[in-house]
Structure formats: C-alpha cells, structure tokens
Amino acid sequence: MSEFYDPQCVRCPRLAEYLRETRAQRPDYWARPVPSFGAASPRILIVGLAPGMHGANRTGRPFTGDHAGTLLYETLYEFGLASRPEATSADDGLQLRNTRIANAVKCVPPGNKPLPAEIRCCNAYLASELDALPAVRVCLALGRVAHEAVLMAKGLKRAMYPFGHAREHTLDADMHLLDSYHCSRYNTSTRRLTTQMFRQVVRRACELAGLAPS
C-alpha cells in the first residue's frame, strides 16, 4: 500500500459494495481499486474519470480492455509515448514512456457516474500521487471530472480554470493543465472528439512537457 494507492480501499461505501457484488458475479474480474499505470517519473500525467466496468475494472489497468482506450493508446503510440498501439490486458507487455495514467476515481462506479462525495474522497490519492511525481509538467485531463479533480488535488479554485477542449491552464511555475474531451465510445462515435482533435491535444501535451513528438 502507498499514499496514492490502496488495493483494499473501502472509503466509499457505495463503491465498495458495488465491487463486492461485481467480484461475486464476475470472479475473473479485477474488481478492486485500479492503480495508476506508466512511467515512474513521468513528464505527462493523464487523468481519466474512473475504471470502465468491462475495461480497467476487468483487467486491472487504466483504459485497458475496452473501447475507451482505443484512441488513447493509438495516439500515445503515434507520439512515441507507448510501446504498442493497443492495450488488451495488464500483462500484454505495453509500456509507457514519459507518461503515466491515473483516474479521478479508482473504483468503477455504477453507471460510470461517481458521486461528488466519492470524487472528493478519492482525491487524496491523486493529490498524493502528484506530490510524489515532481517531474510532471503537464496534467492532461480527459473530461470535466478529471479537470476538476486535478484542480482539487492542487488546492485551486474551479472558477479560475474553466474546462474546455484543448484549453490550457498554467497551474504554477512548473505545471500546466491541458484539457480534452474524454475518449469515450460516446464522444468518439458522435465525433464530439475526433482522432485529429485528440492528436492535436497530445501533440500539445508533448510540447508543454518539453518532449519532442516522434
């Protein structure tokens, strides 16, 4: 156990009960809090919403095993931030370079909608992780919940940093917050988020982090 990950965490009763039910119904699923994944000393920290029921909640690795990770890992691979373009399982050999992936909430929530109290409760883990990653220069927030979770973790007011796709915020002398629409199936299928839009955001994250996109 660490300050930013506890595999036995039951701080949120509703989420803990949901995981207990899931483990009983699907004993082959991870069905526990999902740890962050990636480089130990990243320049870019990508923050998502929460594990997907049949993705990270099943595999135990963020954005792995369902549609939500398709565009993400393809794009990271394109820019040299991932060793392969597809994430299928936690033991598929995929590695991230200069990049780490976390979630605003580490446990899968019913209906993929964590409650405000659950977001606040889990934020202590994100805050501790950010404190432990001094090399991070860019937090790439996938969606409004992730955007606000980063601000909460940094002790900053939401009103000062409005969310918007491709919007950039300077949080302090060393860190930027860069926003993107979430790469969910809904957003990509409705083309609210296109491949080109997401590529541009990731390219900008590399620039802000001082990384030369390959």
C-alpha atoms as a PDB file:
ATOM      1  CA  MET A   1       0.000   0.000   0.000  1.00  0.00           C
ATOM      2  CA  SER A   2       1.143   3.567  -0.700  1.00  0.00           C
ATOM      3  CA  GLU A   3      -0.234   7.007  -0.037  1.00  0.00           C
ATOM      4  CA  PHE A   4      -1.639   7.115  -3.573  1.00  0.00           C
ATOM      5  CA  TYR A   5      -2.905   3.542  -3.907  1.00  0.00           C
ATOM      6  CA  ASP A   6      -4.604   1.103  -1.567  1.00  0.00           C
ATOM      7  CA  PRO A   7      -5.913  -2.083  -3.249  1.00  0.00           C
ATOM      8  CA  GLN A   8      -8.112  -2.752  -0.216  1.00  0.00           C
ATOM      9  CA  CYS A   9      -9.644   0.742  -0.020  1.00  0.00           C
ATOM     10  CA  VAL A  10     -13.288   0.807   1.122  1.00  0.00           C
ATOM     11  CA  ARG A  11     -13.579   4.530   1.914  1.00  0.00           C
ATOM     12  CA  CYS A  12     -16.648   4.934  -0.319  1.00  0.00           C
ATOM     13  CA  PRO A  13     -19.357   2.512   0.893  1.00  0.00           C
ATOM     14  CA  ARG A  14     -21.395   2.570  -2.333  1.00  0.00           C
ATOM     15  CA  LEU A  15     -18.360   1.806  -4.499  1.00  0.00           C
ATOM     16  CA  ALA A  16     -17.041  -0.842  -2.099  1.00  0.00           C
ATOM     17  CA  GLU A  17     -20.394  -2.635  -2.161  1.00  0.00           C
ATOM     18  CA  TYR A  18     -20.551  -2.399  -5.958  1.00  0.00           C
ATOM     19  CA  LEU A  19     -17.112  -4.013  -6.192  1.00  0.00           C
ATOM     20  CA  ARG A  20     -18.132  -6.777  -3.783  1.00  0.00           C
ATOM     21  CA  GLU A  21     -21.166  -7.532  -5.961  1.00  0.00           C
ATOM     22  CA  THR A  22     -19.034  -7.474  -9.092  1.00  0.00           C
ATOM     23  CA  ARG A  23     -16.467  -9.903  -7.652  1.00  0.00           C
ATOM     24  CA  ALA A  24     -19.272 -12.288  -6.709  1.00  0.00           C
ATOM     25  CA  GLN A  25     -20.833 -12.101 -10.185  1.00  0.00           C
ATOM     26  CA  ARG A  26     -17.570 -11.999 -12.145  1.00  0.00           C
ATOM     27  CA  PRO A  27     -14.819 -13.768 -10.189  1.00  0.00           C
ATOM     28  CA  ASP A  28     -12.417 -13.427 -13.134  1.00  0.00           C
ATOM     29  CA  TYR A  29     -12.566  -9.609 -12.987  1.00  0.00           C
ATOM     30  CA  TRP A  30     -10.018  -7.453 -11.136  1.00  0.00           C
ATOM     31  CA  ALA A  31     -12.934  -5.658  -9.404  1.00  0.00           C
ATOM     32  CA  ARG A  32     -10.806  -3.638  -6.986  1.00  0.00           C
ATOM     33  CA  PRO A  33      -9.370  -0.121  -6.958  1.00  0.00           C
ATOM     34  CA  VAL A  34      -7.319   0.243 -10.143  1.00  0.00           C
ATOM     35  CA  PRO A  35      -3.737   1.502  -9.720  1.00  0.00           C
ATOM     36  CA  SER A  36      -2.166   4.109 -11.960  1.00  0.00           C
ATOM     37  CA  PHE A  37      -0.024   2.839 -14.815  1.00  0.00           C
ATOM     38  CA  GLY A  38       3.061   4.076 -16.602  1.00  0.00           C
ATOM     39  CA  ALA A  39       6.433   5.693 -16.123  1.00  0.00           C
ATOM     40  CA  ALA A  40       7.704   6.074 -12.574  1.00  0.00           C
ATOM     41  CA  SER A  41       8.917   9.620 -13.245  1.00  0.00           C
ATOM     42  CA  PRO A  42       6.629  10.948 -15.982  1.00  0.00           C
ATOM     43  CA  ARG A  43       6.566  14.336 -17.660  1.00  0.00           C
ATOM     44  CA  ILE A  44       2.889  13.874 -18.575  1.00  0.00           C
ATOM     45  CA  LEU A  45       0.175  12.632 -16.216  1.00  0.00           C
ATOM     46  CA  ILE A  46      -3.046  11.683 -17.994  1.00  0.00           C
ATOM     47  CA  VAL A  47      -6.081  11.752 -15.705  1.00  0.00           C
ATOM     48  CA  GLY A  48      -9.271   9.941 -16.648  1.00  0.00           C
ATOM     49  CA  LEU A  49     -12.654   9.618 -14.956  1.00  0.00           C
ATOM     50  CA  ALA A  50     -12.885   6.120 -13.453  1.00  0.00           C
ATOM     51  CA  PRO A  51     -12.363   2.479 -14.465  1.00  0.00           C
ATOM     52  CA  GLY A  52     -14.819   1.100 -17.014  1.00  0.00           C
ATOM     53  CA  MET A  53     -16.822  -1.920 -15.882  1.00  0.00           C
ATOM     54  CA  HIS A  54     -15.560  -4.215 -18.628  1.00  0.00           C
ATOM     55  CA  GLY A  55     -12.272  -2.402 -19.217  1.00  0.00           C
ATOM     56  CA  ALA A  56      -9.972  -1.402 -16.353  1.00  0.00           C
ATOM     57  CA  ASN A  57     -12.304  -2.942 -13.768  1.00  0.00           C
ATOM     58  CA  ARG A  58     -11.855  -6.251 -15.602  1.00  0.00           C
ATOM     59  CA  THR A  59      -8.154  -6.041 -16.443  1.00  0.00           C
ATOM     60  CA  GLY A  60      -6.789  -4.005 -13.539  1.00  0.00           C
ATOM     61  CA  ARG A  61      -5.071  -1.402 -15.737  1.00  0.00           C
ATOM     62  CA  PRO A  62      -6.407   2.035 -16.789  1.00  0.00           C
ATOM     63  CA  PHE A  63      -8.041   2.251 -20.214  1.00  0.00           C
ATOM     64  CA  THR A  64      -7.249  -1.380 -20.976  1.00  0.00           C
ATOM     65  CA  GLY A  65      -9.616  -3.892 -22.495  1.00  0.00           C
ATOM     66  CA  ASP A  66     -12.472  -1.748 -23.773  1.00  0.00           C
ATOM     67  CA  HIS A  67     -13.234   0.938 -26.358  1.00  0.00           C
ATOM     68  CA  ALA A  68     -12.258   3.865 -24.135  1.00  0.00           C
ATOM     69  CA  GLY A  69      -8.569   3.055 -24.513  1.00  0.00           C
ATOM     70  CA  THR A  70      -8.571   2.576 -28.281  1.00  0.00           C
ATOM     71  CA  LEU A  71      -7.954   6.164 -29.321  1.00  0.00           C
ATOM     72  CA  LEU A  72      -5.821   6.875 -26.248  1.00  0.00           C
ATOM     73  CA  TYR A  73      -3.218   4.161 -26.756  1.00  0.00           C
ATOM     74  CA  GLU A  74      -3.164   4.517 -30.544  1.00  0.00           C
ATOM     75  CA  THR A  75      -2.332   8.196 -30.126  1.00  0.00           C
ATOM     76  CA  LEU A  76       0.236   7.652 -27.386  1.00  0.00           C
ATOM     77  CA  TYR A  77       1.947   5.095 -29.621  1.00  0.00           C
ATOM     78  CA  GLU A  78       1.911   7.510 -32.553  1.00  0.00           C
ATOM     79  CA  PHE A  79       3.762  10.119 -30.496  1.00  0.00           C
ATOM     80  CA  GLY A  80       6.276   7.682 -29.045  1.00  0.00           C
ATOM     81  CA  LEU A  81       4.717   7.633 -25.585  1.00  0.00           C
ATOM     82  CA  ALA A  82       3.625   3.971 -25.692  1.00  0.00           C
ATOM     83  CA  SER A  83       5.450   0.850 -26.866  1.00  0.00           C
ATOM     84  CA  ARG A  84       2.431  -0.545 -28.698  1.00  0.00           C
ATOM     85  CA  PRO A  85      -0.841   0.861 -30.078  1.00  0.00           C
ATOM     86  CA  GLU A  86      -3.304  -1.446 -28.340  1.00  0.00           C
ATOM     87  CA  ALA A  87      -3.930  -2.321 -24.691  1.00  0.00           C
ATOM     88  CA  THR A  88      -5.582  -5.686 -24.186  1.00  0.00           C
ATOM     89  CA  SER A  89      -4.535  -6.898 -20.740  1.00  0.00           C
ATOM     90  CA  ALA A  90      -2.358  -5.925 -17.807  1.00  0.00           C
ATOM     91  CA  ASP A  91       0.301  -8.421 -18.912  1.00  0.00           C
ATOM     92  CA  ASP A  92       0.369  -7.600 -22.647  1.00  0.00           C
ATOM     93  CA  GLY A  93       3.832  -6.041 -22.417  1.00  0.00           C
ATOM     94  CA  LEU A  94       2.720  -2.483 -23.167  1.00  0.00           C
ATOM     95  CA  GLN A  95       4.919   0.184 -21.580  1.00  0.00           C
ATOM     96  CA  LEU A  96       4.521   3.958 -21.373  1.00  0.00           C
ATOM     97  CA  ARG A  97       7.372   6.416 -21.879  1.00  0.00           C
ATOM     98  CA  ASN A  98       7.454   9.759 -20.031  1.00  0.00           C
ATOM     99  CA  THR A  99       3.748   9.241 -19.368  1.00  0.00           C
ATOM    100  CA  ARG A 100       1.550   7.901 -16.601  1.00  0.00           C
ATOM    101  CA  ILE A 101      -2.213   7.318 -16.458  1.00  0.00           C
ATOM    102  CA  ALA A 102      -4.353   7.831 -13.356  1.00  0.00           C
ATOM    103  CA  ASN A 103      -8.066   8.256 -12.676  1.00  0.00           C
ATOM    104  CA  ALA A 104     -10.057  10.781 -10.679  1.00  0.00           C
ATOM    105  CA  VAL A 105     -11.805   7.811  -9.029  1.00  0.00           C
ATOM    106  CA  LYS A 106     -10.028   4.463  -8.693  1.00  0.00           C
ATOM    107  CA  CYS A 107     -13.111   2.241  -8.346  1.00  0.00           C
ATOM    108  CA  VAL A 108     -15.705   1.555 -11.028  1.00  0.00           C
ATOM    109  CA  PRO A 109     -18.901   3.489 -10.195  1.00  0.00           C
ATOM    110  CA  PRO A 110     -22.428   2.336 -11.029  1.00  0.00           C
ATOM    111  CA  GLY A 111     -23.463   3.759 -14.392  1.00  0.00           C
ATOM    112  CA  ASN A 112     -19.943   5.195 -14.796  1.00  0.00           C
ATOM    113  CA  LYS A 113     -21.049   8.143 -12.642  1.00  0.00           C
ATOM    114  CA  PRO A 114     -19.194   8.689  -9.374  1.00  0.00           C
ATOM    115  CA  LEU A 115     -20.920  10.853  -6.793  1.00  0.00           C
ATOM    116  CA  PRO A 116     -19.353  14.213  -5.842  1.00  0.00           C
ATOM    117  CA  ALA A 117     -18.564  12.850  -2.370  1.00  0.00           C
ATOM    118  CA  GLU A 118     -16.754   9.875  -3.936  1.00  0.00           C
ATOM    119  CA  ILE A 119     -14.687  12.148  -6.166  1.00  0.00           C
ATOM    120  CA  ARG A 120     -13.709  14.219  -3.137  1.00  0.00           C
ATOM    121  CA  CYS A 121     -12.886  11.145  -1.070  1.00  0.00           C
ATOM    122  CA  CYS A 122     -10.663   9.612  -3.757  1.00  0.00           C
ATOM    123  CA  ASN A 123      -8.943  12.912  -4.479  1.00  0.00           C
ATOM    124  CA  ALA A 124      -6.490  12.384  -1.639  1.00  0.00           C
ATOM    125  CA  TYR A 125      -4.891   9.595  -3.672  1.00  0.00           C
ATOM    126  CA  LEU A 126      -4.484  11.824  -6.731  1.00  0.00           C
ATOM    127  CA  ALA A 127      -3.071  14.642  -4.613  1.00  0.00           C
ATOM    128  CA  SER A 128      -0.533  12.289  -3.032  1.00  0.00           C
ATOM    129  CA  GLU A 129       0.446  10.914  -6.418  1.00  0.00           C
ATOM    130  CA  LEU A 130       1.006  14.383  -7.852  1.00  0.00           C
ATOM    131  CA  ASP A 131       3.161  15.246  -4.837  1.00  0.00           C
ATOM    132  CA  ALA A 132       5.212  12.121  -5.476  1.00  0.00           C
ATOM    133  CA  LEU A 133       5.770  12.955  -9.171  1.00  0.00           C
ATOM    134  CA  PRO A 134       7.860  16.140  -9.241  1.00  0.00           C
ATOM    135  CA  ALA A 135       8.854  15.646 -12.896  1.00  0.00           C
ATOM    136  CA  VAL A 136       5.264  16.094 -14.151  1.00  0.00           C
ATOM    137  CA  ARG A 137       4.961  19.180 -16.327  1.00  0.00           C
ATOM    138  CA  VAL A 138       1.553  18.526 -17.875  1.00  0.00           C
ATOM    139  CA  CYS A 139      -1.659  17.066 -16.488  1.00  0.00           C
ATOM    140  CA  LEU A 140      -3.794  16.027 -19.445  1.00  0.00           C
ATOM    141  CA  ALA A 141      -7.367  15.891 -18.134  1.00  0.00           C
ATOM    142  CA  LEU A 142      -9.781  13.673 -20.056  1.00  0.00           C
ATOM    143  CA  GLY A 143     -13.120  15.317 -19.350  1.00  0.00           C
ATOM    144  CA  ARG A 144     -14.505  17.806 -16.884  1.00  0.00           C
ATOM    145  CA  VAL A 145     -14.461  15.481 -13.862  1.00  0.00           C
ATOM    146  CA  ALA A 146     -10.748  14.796 -14.359  1.00  0.00           C
ATOM    147  CA  HIS A 147     -10.102  18.511 -14.909  1.00  0.00           C
ATOM    148  CA  GLU A 148     -11.789  19.424 -11.644  1.00  0.00           C
ATOM    149  CA  ALA A 149     -10.086  16.550  -9.813  1.00  0.00           C
ATOM    150  CA  VAL A 150      -6.661  17.913 -10.777  1.00  0.00           C
ATOM    151  CA  LEU A 151      -7.631  21.377  -9.548  1.00  0.00           C
ATOM    152  CA  MET A 152      -8.921  19.915  -6.292  1.00  0.00           C
ATOM    153  CA  ALA A 153      -5.710  17.949  -5.834  1.00  0.00           C
ATOM    154  CA  LYS A 154      -3.701  21.133  -6.318  1.00  0.00           C
ATOM    155  CA  GLY A 155      -5.944  23.152  -3.978  1.00  0.00           C
ATOM    156  CA  LEU A 156      -7.084  25.504  -6.762  1.00  0.00           C
ATOM    157  CA  LYS A 157     -10.499  27.074  -7.401  1.00  0.00           C
ATOM    158  CA  ARG A 158     -12.523  25.735 -10.327  1.00  0.00           C
ATOM    159  CA  ALA A 159     -13.838  29.157 -11.289  1.00  0.00           C
ATOM    160  CA  MET A 160     -10.340  30.331 -12.133  1.00  0.00           C
ATOM    161  CA  TYR A 161      -9.713  27.474 -14.593  1.00  0.00           C
ATOM    162  CA  PRO A 162     -12.780  26.751 -16.775  1.00  0.00           C
ATOM    163  CA  PHE A 163     -12.852  23.455 -18.661  1.00  0.00           C
ATOM    164  CA  GLY A 164     -12.779  23.411 -22.446  1.00  0.00           C
ATOM    165  CA  HIS A 165     -11.377  21.077 -25.063  1.00  0.00           C
ATOM    166  CA  ALA A 166      -7.753  21.975 -25.891  1.00  0.00           C
ATOM    167  CA  ARG A 167      -7.812  24.723 -23.265  1.00  0.00           C
ATOM    168  CA  GLU A 168      -4.514  25.298 -21.456  1.00  0.00           C
ATOM    169  CA  HIS A 169      -4.040  26.466 -17.878  1.00  0.00           C
ATOM    170  CA  THR A 170      -0.842  27.370 -16.040  1.00  0.00           C
ATOM    171  CA  LEU A 171      -1.149  25.960 -12.533  1.00  0.00           C
ATOM    172  CA  ASP A 172       2.255  27.024 -11.234  1.00  0.00           C
ATOM    173  CA  ALA A 173       5.764  27.673 -12.495  1.00  0.00           C
ATOM    174  CA  ASP A 174       6.292  24.002 -13.332  1.00  0.00           C
ATOM    175  CA  MET A 175       2.899  22.556 -14.265  1.00  0.00           C
ATOM    176  CA  HIS A 176       0.269  23.019 -16.958  1.00  0.00           C
ATOM    177  CA  LEU A 177      -3.259  21.629 -17.075  1.00  0.00           C
ATOM    178  CA  LEU A 178      -4.392  20.706 -20.588  1.00  0.00           C
ATOM    179  CA  ASP A 179      -7.997  19.726 -21.237  1.00  0.00           C
ATOM    180  CA  SER A 180      -9.527  17.246 -23.656  1.00  0.00           C
ATOM    181  CA  TYR A 181     -12.920  15.714 -24.130  1.00  0.00           C
ATOM    182  CA  HIS A 182     -12.883  12.166 -22.781  1.00  0.00           C
ATOM    183  CA  CYS A 183     -12.039   9.499 -25.354  1.00  0.00           C
ATOM    184  CA  SER A 184     -15.175   7.514 -24.539  1.00  0.00           C
ATOM    185  CA  ARG A 185     -17.147   5.475 -27.061  1.00  0.00           C
ATOM    186  CA  TYR A 186     -19.934   8.062 -26.963  1.00  0.00           C
ATOM    187  CA  ASN A 187     -17.637  11.008 -27.661  1.00  0.00           C
ATOM    188  CA  THR A 188     -15.740   9.288 -30.457  1.00  0.00           C
ATOM    189  CA  SER A 189     -18.812   7.741 -32.118  1.00  0.00           C
ATOM    190  CA  THR A 190     -20.658  11.084 -32.114  1.00  0.00           C
ATOM    191  CA  ARG A 191     -17.452  12.791 -33.268  1.00  0.00           C
ATOM    192  CA  ARG A 192     -17.525  15.202 -30.401  1.00  0.00           C
ATOM    193  CA  LEU A 193     -13.914  14.067 -30.163  1.00  0.00           C
ATOM    194  CA  THR A 194     -12.236  13.155 -33.432  1.00  0.00           C
ATOM    195  CA  THR A 195      -8.906  11.430 -33.947  1.00  0.00           C
ATOM    196  CA  GLN A 196      -7.422  14.661 -35.256  1.00  0.00           C
ATOM    197  CA  MET A 197      -8.689  16.676 -32.283  1.00  0.00           C
ATOM    198  CA  PHE A 198      -7.121  14.227 -29.852  1.00  0.00           C
ATOM    199  CA  ARG A 199      -3.847  14.061 -31.766  1.00  0.00           C
ATOM    200  CA  GLN A 200      -3.549  17.831 -31.568  1.00  0.00           C
ATOM    201  CA  VAL A 201      -4.058  17.778 -27.805  1.00  0.00           C
ATOM    202  CA  VAL A 202      -1.481  15.047 -27.240  1.00  0.00           C
ATOM    203  CA  ARG A 203       0.986  16.838 -29.502  1.00  0.00           C
ATOM    204  CA  ARG A 204       0.490  19.979 -27.422  1.00  0.00           C
ATOM    205  CA  ALA A 205       0.988  17.990 -24.215  1.00  0.00           C
ATOM    206  CA  CYS A 206       4.341  16.814 -25.569  1.00  0.00           C
ATOM    207  CA  GLU A 207       5.328  20.378 -26.405  1.00  0.00           C
ATOM    208  CA  LEU A 208       4.374  21.706 -22.977  1.00  0.00           C
ATOM    209  CA  ALA A 209       6.225  18.804 -21.325  1.00  0.00           C
ATOM    210  CA  GLY A 210       9.387  19.540 -23.279  1.00  0.00           C
ATOM    211  CA  LEU A 211       9.173  16.288 -25.222  1.00  0.00           C
ATOM    212  CA  ALA A 212       9.816  16.072 -28.953  1.00  0.00           C
ATOM    213  CA  PRO A 213       6.961  14.057 -30.513  1.00  0.00           C
ATOM    214  CA  SER A 214       8.400  11.164 -32.521  1.00  0.00           C
END
